C-alpha atoms as a PDB file:
ATOM      1  CA  MET A   1       0.000   0.000   0.000  1.00  0.00           C
ATOM      2  CA  THR A   2       1.387   3.375  -0.990  1.00  0.00           C
ATOM      3  CA  ASP A   3       0.550   6.895   0.044  1.00  0.00           C
ATOM      4  CA  ALA A   4      -0.319   7.634  -3.576  1.00  0.00           C
ATOM      5  CA  THR A   5      -3.194   5.139  -3.600  1.00  0.00           C
ATOM      6  CA  ALA A   6      -4.453   5.677  -0.036  1.00  0.00           C
ATOM      7  CA  LEU A   7      -7.931   7.133   0.405  1.00  0.00           C
ATOM      8  CA  ILE A   8      -7.188   7.774   4.076  1.00  0.00           C
ATOM      9  CA  ARG A   9      -3.819   8.214   5.745  1.00  0.00           C
ATOM     10  CA  LEU A  10      -3.162   8.787   9.450  1.00  0.00           C
ATOM     11  CA  SER A  11       0.396   9.696  10.421  1.00  0.00           C
ATOM     12  CA  GLY A  12       1.582  10.056  14.003  1.00  0.00           C
ATOM     13  CA  ILE A  13      -1.947  10.618  15.330  1.00  0.00           C
ATOM     14  CA  THR A  14      -2.188  11.275  19.059  1.00  0.00           C
ATOM     15  CA  LYS A  15      -5.201  12.211  21.160  1.00  0.00           C
ATOM     16  CA  THR A  16      -5.083  13.500  24.714  1.00  0.00           C
ATOM     17  CA  TYR A  17      -8.142  14.067  26.878  1.00  0.00           C
ATOM     18  CA  GLY A  18      -7.929  16.335  29.912  1.00  0.00           C
ATOM     19  CA  GLN A  19      -4.968  18.335  31.160  1.00  0.00           C
ATOM     20  CA  GLY A  20      -2.184  18.146  33.697  1.00  0.00           C
ATOM     21  CA  GLN A  21      -2.260  15.172  36.046  1.00  0.00           C
ATOM     22  CA  ALA A  22      -5.729  14.242  34.768  1.00  0.00           C
ATOM     23  CA  ALA A  23      -4.533  13.982  31.161  1.00  0.00           C
ATOM     24  CA  PHE A  24      -5.204  10.675  29.408  1.00  0.00           C
ATOM     25  CA  LEU A  25      -3.342   9.762  26.234  1.00  0.00           C
ATOM     26  CA  ALA A  26      -5.939   7.797  24.250  1.00  0.00           C
ATOM     27  CA  LEU A  27      -3.859   7.501  21.067  1.00  0.00           C
ATOM     28  CA  LYS A  28      -0.072   7.260  21.122  1.00  0.00           C
ATOM     29  CA  GLY A  29       1.092   7.793  17.564  1.00  0.00           C
ATOM     30  CA  VAL A  30      -1.146   5.920  15.129  1.00  0.00           C
ATOM     31  CA  ASP A  31      -0.031   5.358  11.527  1.00  0.00           C
ATOM     32  CA  LEU A  32      -2.653   3.926   9.214  1.00  0.00           C
ATOM     33  CA  ALA A  33      -3.477   3.859   5.503  1.00  0.00           C
ATOM     34  CA  ILE A  34      -6.753   2.751   3.936  1.00  0.00           C
ATOM     35  CA  GLU A  35      -7.127   2.194   0.212  1.00  0.00           C
ATOM     36  CA  PRO A  36     -10.356   2.905  -1.712  1.00  0.00           C
ATOM     37  CA  GLY A  37     -12.766  -0.035  -1.614  1.00  0.00           C
ATOM     38  CA  GLU A  38     -11.227  -1.796   1.386  1.00  0.00           C
ATOM     39  CA  PHE A  39     -13.308  -3.506   4.071  1.00  0.00           C
ATOM     40  CA  VAL A  40     -11.439  -3.129   7.364  1.00  0.00           C
ATOM     41  CA  ALA A  41     -12.424  -4.425  10.793  1.00  0.00           C
ATOM     42  CA  ILE A  42     -11.075  -2.497  13.783  1.00  0.00           C
ATOM     43  CA  MET A  43     -10.791  -4.501  17.007  1.00  0.00           C
ATOM     44  CA  GLY A  44      -9.382  -4.132  20.492  1.00  0.00           C
ATOM     45  CA  PRO A  45     -10.389  -4.189  24.149  1.00  0.00           C
ATOM     46  CA  SER A  46     -12.275  -1.343  25.819  1.00  0.00           C
ATOM     47  CA  GLY A  47      -9.991   1.659  26.209  1.00  0.00           C
ATOM     48  CA  SER A  48      -7.676   0.517  23.406  1.00  0.00           C
ATOM     49  CA  GLY A  49      -8.298   3.631  21.282  1.00  0.00           C
ATOM     50  CA  LYS A  50     -10.381   2.076  18.515  1.00  0.00           C
ATOM     51  CA  SER A  51     -13.439   4.280  19.144  1.00  0.00           C
ATOM     52  CA  THR A  52     -11.242   7.379  19.374  1.00  0.00           C
ATOM     53  CA  VAL A  53      -9.720   6.538  15.989  1.00  0.00           C
ATOM     54  CA  MET A  54     -13.193   6.050  14.502  1.00  0.00           C
ATOM     55  CA  ASN A  55     -14.324   9.415  15.854  1.00  0.00           C
ATOM     56  CA  ILE A  56     -11.298  11.092  14.270  1.00  0.00           C
ATOM     57  CA  LEU A  57     -11.811   9.263  10.966  1.00  0.00           C
ATOM     58  CA  GLY A  58     -15.472  10.300  11.040  1.00  0.00           C
ATOM     59  CA  CYS A  59     -14.607  13.964  11.666  1.00  0.00           C
ATOM     60  CA  LEU A  60     -16.479  13.795  14.978  1.00  0.00           C
ATOM     61  CA  ASP A  61     -13.267  14.581  16.875  1.00  0.00           C
ATOM     62  CA  THR A  62      -9.863  16.049  16.069  1.00  0.00           C
ATOM     63  CA  PRO A  63      -6.376  14.711  16.851  1.00  0.00           C
ATOM     64  CA  SER A  64      -4.086  16.410  19.352  1.00  0.00           C
ATOM     65  CA  SER A  65      -1.184  15.987  16.925  1.00  0.00           C
ATOM     66  CA  GLY A  66      -0.338  14.209  13.701  1.00  0.00           C
ATOM     67  CA  THR A  67      -1.900  14.369  10.244  1.00  0.00           C
ATOM     68  CA  TYR A  68      -5.138  12.967   8.799  1.00  0.00           C
ATOM     69  CA  VAL A  69      -5.268  13.088   5.010  1.00  0.00           C
ATOM     70  CA  PHE A  70      -8.534  12.223   3.213  1.00  0.00           C
ATOM     71  CA  GLU A  71      -8.331  12.168  -0.595  1.00  0.00           C
ATOM     72  CA  GLY A  72      -5.376  14.529  -0.427  1.00  0.00           C
ATOM     73  CA  VAL A  73      -7.028  16.975   2.013  1.00  0.00           C
ATOM     74  CA  HIS A  74      -5.428  17.602   5.406  1.00  0.00           C
ATOM     75  CA  VAL A  75      -8.467  17.111   7.625  1.00  0.00           C
ATOM     76  CA  GLU A  76      -6.657  18.223  10.786  1.00  0.00           C
ATOM     77  CA  GLN A  77      -6.325  21.696   9.235  1.00  0.00           C
ATOM     78  CA  LEU A  78     -10.032  22.082   8.407  1.00  0.00           C
ATOM     79  CA  THR A  79     -12.432  24.286  10.338  1.00  0.00           C
ATOM     80  CA  ARG A  80     -15.405  22.764  12.172  1.00  0.00           C
ATOM     81  CA  ASP A  81     -17.704  23.749   9.297  1.00  0.00           C
ATOM     82  CA  GLN A  82     -15.368  22.266   6.705  1.00  0.00           C
ATOM     83  CA  ARG A  83     -15.194  19.005   8.639  1.00  0.00           C
ATOM     84  CA  ALA A  84     -18.993  18.963   8.772  1.00  0.00           C
ATOM     85  CA  LEU A  85     -19.102  19.329   4.976  1.00  0.00           C
ATOM     86  CA  LEU A  86     -16.637  16.483   4.519  1.00  0.00           C
ATOM     87  CA  ARG A  87     -18.704  14.323   6.875  1.00  0.00           C
ATOM     88  CA  ARG A  88     -21.928  15.201   5.066  1.00  0.00           C
ATOM     89  CA  ASN A  89     -20.601  14.595   1.553  1.00  0.00           C
ATOM     90  CA  TYR A  90     -18.203  11.671   1.909  1.00  0.00           C
ATOM     91  CA  LEU A  91     -19.047   9.671   5.035  1.00  0.00           C
ATOM     92  CA  GLY A  92     -21.904   7.431   6.127  1.00  0.00           C
ATOM     93  CA  PHE A  93     -22.439   6.207   9.692  1.00  0.00           C
ATOM     94  CA  VAL A  94     -24.053   3.084  11.155  1.00  0.00           C
ATOM     95  CA  PHE A  95     -24.291   2.702  14.944  1.00  0.00           C
ATOM     96  CA  GLN A  96     -25.084  -0.158  17.289  1.00  0.00           C
ATOM     97  CA  GLY A  97     -28.222   1.617  18.535  1.00  0.00           C
ATOM     98  CA  TYR A  98     -29.674   2.433  15.080  1.00  0.00           C
ATOM     99  CA  ASN A  99     -30.274   6.123  16.077  1.00  0.00           C
ATOM    100  CA  LEU A 100     -33.596   6.366  14.249  1.00  0.00           C
ATOM    101  CA  LEU A 101     -36.212   9.015  15.002  1.00  0.00           C
ATOM    102  CA  ALA A 102     -38.994   7.159  16.811  1.00  0.00           C
ATOM    103  CA  ARG A 103     -42.079   8.935  15.444  1.00  0.00           C
ATOM    104  CA  THR A 104     -40.746   9.156  11.915  1.00  0.00           C
ATOM    105  CA  THR A 105     -41.310   6.692   9.066  1.00  0.00           C
ATOM    106  CA  ALA A 106     -38.527   4.634   7.542  1.00  0.00           C
ATOM    107  CA  LEU A 107     -38.637   6.813   4.428  1.00  0.00           C
ATOM    108  CA  GLU A 108     -38.367  10.034   6.442  1.00  0.00           C
ATOM    109  CA  ASN A 109     -35.497   8.629   8.519  1.00  0.00           C
ATOM    110  CA  VAL A 110     -33.567   7.750   5.365  1.00  0.00           C
ATOM    111  CA  GLU A 111     -34.242  11.195   3.881  1.00  0.00           C
ATOM    112  CA  LEU A 112     -32.656  13.069   6.796  1.00  0.00           C
ATOM    113  CA  PRO A 113     -29.113  13.416   5.376  1.00  0.00           C
ATOM    114  CA  LEU A 114     -30.596  14.745   2.131  1.00  0.00           C
ATOM    115  CA  ILE A 115     -32.626  17.341   4.033  1.00  0.00           C
ATOM    116  CA  TYR A 116     -29.377  18.569   5.586  1.00  0.00           C
ATOM    117  CA  ARG A 117     -27.964  18.821   2.078  1.00  0.00           C
ATOM    118  CA  GLY A 118     -30.931  20.887   0.913  1.00  0.00           C
ATOM    119  CA  GLU A 119     -32.089  18.367  -1.709  1.00  0.00           C
ATOM    120  CA  PRO A 120     -35.553  18.990  -3.258  1.00  0.00           C
ATOM    121  CA  ALA A 121     -38.382  16.856  -1.865  1.00  0.00           C
ATOM    122  CA  ALA A 122     -38.956  14.808  -5.026  1.00  0.00           C
ATOM    123  CA  ALA A 123     -35.265  13.919  -5.292  1.00  0.00           C
ATOM    124  CA  ARG A 124     -35.141  13.041  -1.576  1.00  0.00           C
ATOM    125  CA  HIS A 125     -38.139  10.730  -1.824  1.00  0.00           C
ATOM    126  CA  ALA A 126     -36.769   8.929  -4.870  1.00  0.00           C
ATOM    127  CA  ALA A 127     -33.286   8.469  -3.396  1.00  0.00           C
ATOM    128  CA  ALA A 128     -34.670   7.266  -0.045  1.00  0.00           C
ATOM    129  CA  ARG A 129     -36.985   4.744  -1.722  1.00  0.00           C
ATOM    130  CA  ALA A 130     -34.078   3.449  -3.810  1.00  0.00           C
ATOM    131  CA  ALA A 131     -31.872   3.112  -0.714  1.00  0.00           C
ATOM    132  CA  LEU A 132     -34.583   1.197   1.159  1.00  0.00           C
ATOM    133  CA  GLU A 133     -34.975  -1.070  -1.864  1.00  0.00           C
ATOM    134  CA  GLN A 134     -31.222  -1.739  -1.850  1.00  0.00           C
ATOM    135  CA  VAL A 135     -31.318  -2.925   1.764  1.00  0.00           C
ATOM    136  CA  GLY A 136     -34.337  -5.165   1.173  1.00  0.00           C
ATOM    137  CA  LEU A 137     -37.022  -2.909   2.657  1.00  0.00           C
ATOM    138  CA  GLY A 138     -39.010  -1.972  -0.409  1.00  0.00           C
ATOM    139  CA  GLY A 139     -42.638  -1.638   0.726  1.00  0.00           C
ATOM    140  CA  TRP A 140     -41.709  -0.715   4.316  1.00  0.00           C
ATOM    141  CA  GLU A 141     -41.373   3.026   3.657  1.00  0.00           C
ATOM    142  CA  ASP A 142     -44.305   4.075   5.862  1.00  0.00           C
ATOM    143  CA  HIS A 143     -43.437   1.986   8.921  1.00  0.00           C
ATOM    144  CA  THR A 144     -42.052   3.626  12.064  1.00  0.00           C
ATOM    145  CA  PRO A 145     -39.176   2.054  14.040  1.00  0.00           C
ATOM    146  CA  ALA A 146     -41.654   0.624  16.598  1.00  0.00           C
ATOM    147  CA  GLU A 147     -43.212  -1.399  13.763  1.00  0.00           C
ATOM    148  CA  LEU A 148     -39.860  -2.857  12.667  1.00  0.00           C
ATOM    149  CA  SER A 149     -37.644  -5.614  14.057  1.00  0.00           C
ATOM    150  CA  GLY A 150     -34.116  -4.831  15.225  1.00  0.00           C
ATOM    151  CA  GLY A 151     -32.696  -6.141  11.972  1.00  0.00           C
ATOM    152  CA  GLN A 152     -35.122  -4.041   9.940  1.00  0.00           C
ATOM    153  CA  GLN A 153     -34.256  -0.957  11.989  1.00  0.00           C
ATOM    154  CA  GLN A 154     -30.555  -1.527  11.287  1.00  0.00           C
ATOM    155  CA  ARG A 155     -31.379  -1.886   7.580  1.00  0.00           C
ATOM    156  CA  VAL A 156     -33.128   1.488   7.714  1.00  0.00           C
ATOM    157  CA  ALA A 157     -30.028   2.920   9.413  1.00  0.00           C
ATOM    158  CA  ILE A 158     -27.825   1.472   6.666  1.00  0.00           C
ATOM    159  CA  ALA A 159     -30.138   2.876   3.984  1.00  0.00           C
ATOM    160  CA  ARG A 160     -29.837   6.282   5.667  1.00  0.00           C
ATOM    161  CA  SER A 161     -26.043   5.954   5.666  1.00  0.00           C
ATOM    162  CA  ILE A 162     -25.810   5.123   1.939  1.00  0.00           C
ATOM    163  CA  VAL A 163     -28.493   7.466   0.578  1.00  0.00           C
ATOM    164  CA  THR A 164     -25.846  10.174   0.102  1.00  0.00           C
ATOM    165  CA  ARG A 165     -23.610   7.743  -1.842  1.00  0.00           C
ATOM    166  CA  PRO A 166     -20.711   8.076   0.604  1.00  0.00           C
ATOM    167  CA  ALA A 167     -17.148   7.107  -0.197  1.00  0.00           C
ATOM    168  CA  VAL A 168     -16.699   5.604   3.281  1.00  0.00           C
ATOM    169  CA  LEU A 169     -19.089   3.779   5.602  1.00  0.00           C
ATOM    170  CA  LEU A 170     -18.110   3.901   9.283  1.00  0.00           C
ATOM    171  CA  ALA A 171     -19.897   1.161  11.240  1.00  0.00           C
ATOM    172  CA  ASP A 172     -19.596   1.062  15.034  1.00  0.00           C
ATOM    173  CA  GLU A 173     -20.643  -2.364  16.386  1.00  0.00           C
ATOM    174  CA  PRO A 174     -23.397  -2.611  13.720  1.00  0.00           C
ATOM    175  CA  THR A 175     -24.505  -6.064  14.907  1.00  0.00           C
ATOM    176  CA  GLY A 176     -24.093  -5.453  18.647  1.00  0.00           C
ATOM    177  CA  ASN A 177     -27.840  -5.483  19.366  1.00  0.00           C
ATOM    178  CA  LEU A 178     -28.779  -8.301  16.986  1.00  0.00           C
ATOM    179  CA  ASP A 179     -29.105 -12.075  17.221  1.00  0.00           C
ATOM    180  CA  THR A 180     -26.725 -14.330  15.292  1.00  0.00           C
ATOM    181  CA  ARG A 181     -28.896 -14.902  12.221  1.00  0.00           C
ATOM    182  CA  THR A 182     -29.809 -11.232  11.864  1.00  0.00           C
ATOM    183  CA  SER A 183     -26.167 -10.255  12.432  1.00  0.00           C
ATOM    184  CA  GLN A 184     -25.168 -12.461   9.511  1.00  0.00           C
ATOM    185  CA  GLU A 185     -27.850 -10.861   7.311  1.00  0.00           C
ATOM    186  CA  ILE A 186     -26.609  -7.361   8.176  1.00  0.00           C
ATOM    187  CA  MET A 187     -22.994  -8.359   7.539  1.00  0.00           C
ATOM    188  CA  ASP A 188     -23.971  -9.889   4.188  1.00  0.00           C
ATOM    189  CA  LEU A 189     -25.616  -6.572   3.318  1.00  0.00           C
ATOM    190  CA  ILE A 190     -22.574  -4.511   4.336  1.00  0.00           C
ATOM    191  CA  THR A 191     -20.295  -6.895   2.429  1.00  0.00           C
ATOM    192  CA  ALA A 192     -22.462  -6.501  -0.684  1.00  0.00           C
ATOM    193  CA  LEU A 193     -22.308  -2.700  -0.446  1.00  0.00           C
ATOM    194  CA  ASN A 194     -18.523  -2.946  -0.246  1.00  0.00           C
ATOM    195  CA  ARG A 195     -18.244  -5.429  -3.091  1.00  0.00           C
ATOM    196  CA  ASP A 196     -20.913  -4.138  -5.487  1.00  0.00           C
ATOM    197  CA  ARG A 197     -20.784  -0.387  -4.889  1.00  0.00           C
ATOM    198  CA  GLY A 198     -17.139  -0.014  -3.950  1.00  0.00           C
ATOM    199  CA  ILE A 199     -17.918   1.689  -0.637  1.00  0.00           C
ATOM    200  CA  THR A 200     -14.925   1.636   1.698  1.00  0.00           C
ATOM    201  CA  VAL A 201     -16.050   0.098   5.002  1.00  0.00           C
ATOM    202  CA  LEU A 202     -14.415   0.701   8.387  1.00  0.00           C
ATOM    203  CA  MET A 203     -16.109  -1.333  11.113  1.00  0.00           C
ATOM    204  CA  VAL A 204     -15.477  -1.479  14.849  1.00  0.00           C
ATOM    205  CA  THR A 205     -16.454  -4.840  16.335  1.00  0.00           C
ATOM    206  CA  HIS A 206     -15.726  -6.986  19.396  1.00  0.00           C
ATOM    207  CA  GLU A 207     -16.815 -10.141  17.600  1.00  0.00           C
ATOM    208  CA  PRO A 208     -14.234 -12.195  15.664  1.00  0.00           C
ATOM    209  CA  ASP A 209     -16.911 -13.845  13.515  1.00  0.00           C
ATOM    210  CA  MET A 210     -18.123 -10.415  12.386  1.00  0.00           C
ATOM    211  CA  ALA A 211     -14.555  -9.210  11.786  1.00  0.00           C
ATOM    212  CA  ALA A 212     -14.041 -12.258   9.560  1.00  0.00           C
ATOM    213  CA  TYR A 213     -16.308 -10.648   6.945  1.00  0.00           C
ATOM    214  CA  ALA A 214     -13.683  -7.934   6.462  1.00  0.00           C
ATOM    215  CA  LYS A 215     -10.642  -8.383   4.241  1.00  0.00           C
ATOM    216  CA  ARG A 216      -8.309  -6.813   6.799  1.00  0.00           C
ATOM    217  CA  THR A 217      -8.265  -6.578  10.596  1.00  0.00           C
ATOM    218  CA  ILE A 218      -6.495  -3.868  12.589  1.00  0.00           C
ATOM    219  CA  ARG A 219      -6.124  -4.471  16.325  1.00  0.00           C
ATOM    220  CA  PHE A 220      -5.603  -1.664  18.817  1.00  0.00           C
ATOM    221  CA  VAL A 221      -4.062  -2.077  22.250  1.00  0.00           C
ATOM    222  CA  ASP A 222      -3.255   0.785  24.645  1.00  0.00           C
ATOM    223  CA  GLY A 223      -3.653   3.533  22.051  1.00  0.00           C
ATOM    224  CA  ARG A 224      -1.474   1.916  19.413  1.00  0.00           C
ATOM    225  CA  VAL A 225      -1.890  -0.395  16.429  1.00  0.00           C
ATOM    226  CA  GLU A 226      -0.844  -3.810  17.724  1.00  0.00           C
ATOM    227  CA  SER A 227      -1.410  -5.703  14.473  1.00  0.00           C
ATOM    228  CA  ASP A 228      -2.622  -5.036  10.936  1.00  0.00           C
ATOM    229  CA  GLN A 229      -3.173  -8.072   8.759  1.00  0.00           C
ATOM    230  CA  LEU A 230      -5.209  -9.477   5.893  1.00  0.00           C
ATOM    231  CA  ASN A 231      -7.856 -11.996   6.904  1.00  0.00           C
ATOM    232  CA  GLY A 232      -7.180 -15.549   5.799  1.00  0.00           C
ATOM    233  CA  GLY A 233     -10.590 -16.054   4.211  1.00  0.00           C
ATOM    234  CA  ALA A 234     -10.603 -12.756   2.346  1.00  0.00           C
ATOM    235  CA  ALA A 235     -11.013 -12.832  -1.390  1.00  0.00           C
END
């Protein structure tokens, strides 16, 4: 992997929370490169730094030092508003808890990122319907989260994350609240989005069987990358 082909490159990334004697060094010099179209699982025990790295990659937090380059842009030099634009235009997010609006239909939940973009209503509706169709929820547009199973709610969340056609999908424990069969269905869906649409996937997981879907696994321990290797079963 070369810097020239990397979609994302972290160099010497540190992150410190607090000050003085209360300071906690969450990241201790992380170097990482992600190529376009990769599917990467990020693992590690609680407190290892994996969530901090994901927050920095997702432009939800900023490093204390080091460089974060996304498609040639130095993200660490961007303003808050510029980071928000990058997040809105290039990144999609899937969380363990779905994060759907309770009194809002599946279609309206999926439309939300397009509302923030200022898309016209007709274009929003069409894109949201297409995204729901892609995740296997055609015909469920008018159902609220309370009328959907956990797996269906996560499918709505994935549809919401891909409706903007992001370059990168950041998934934080996407199967953490699901049973084994539903977890496999969600992972098959995420794998298909990576394979068929070329979306780069970065996924935090505690579960080795979920990480096995990825082509590469990066393990964090004590704020550093402990290992970075291709998965044996990867194509």
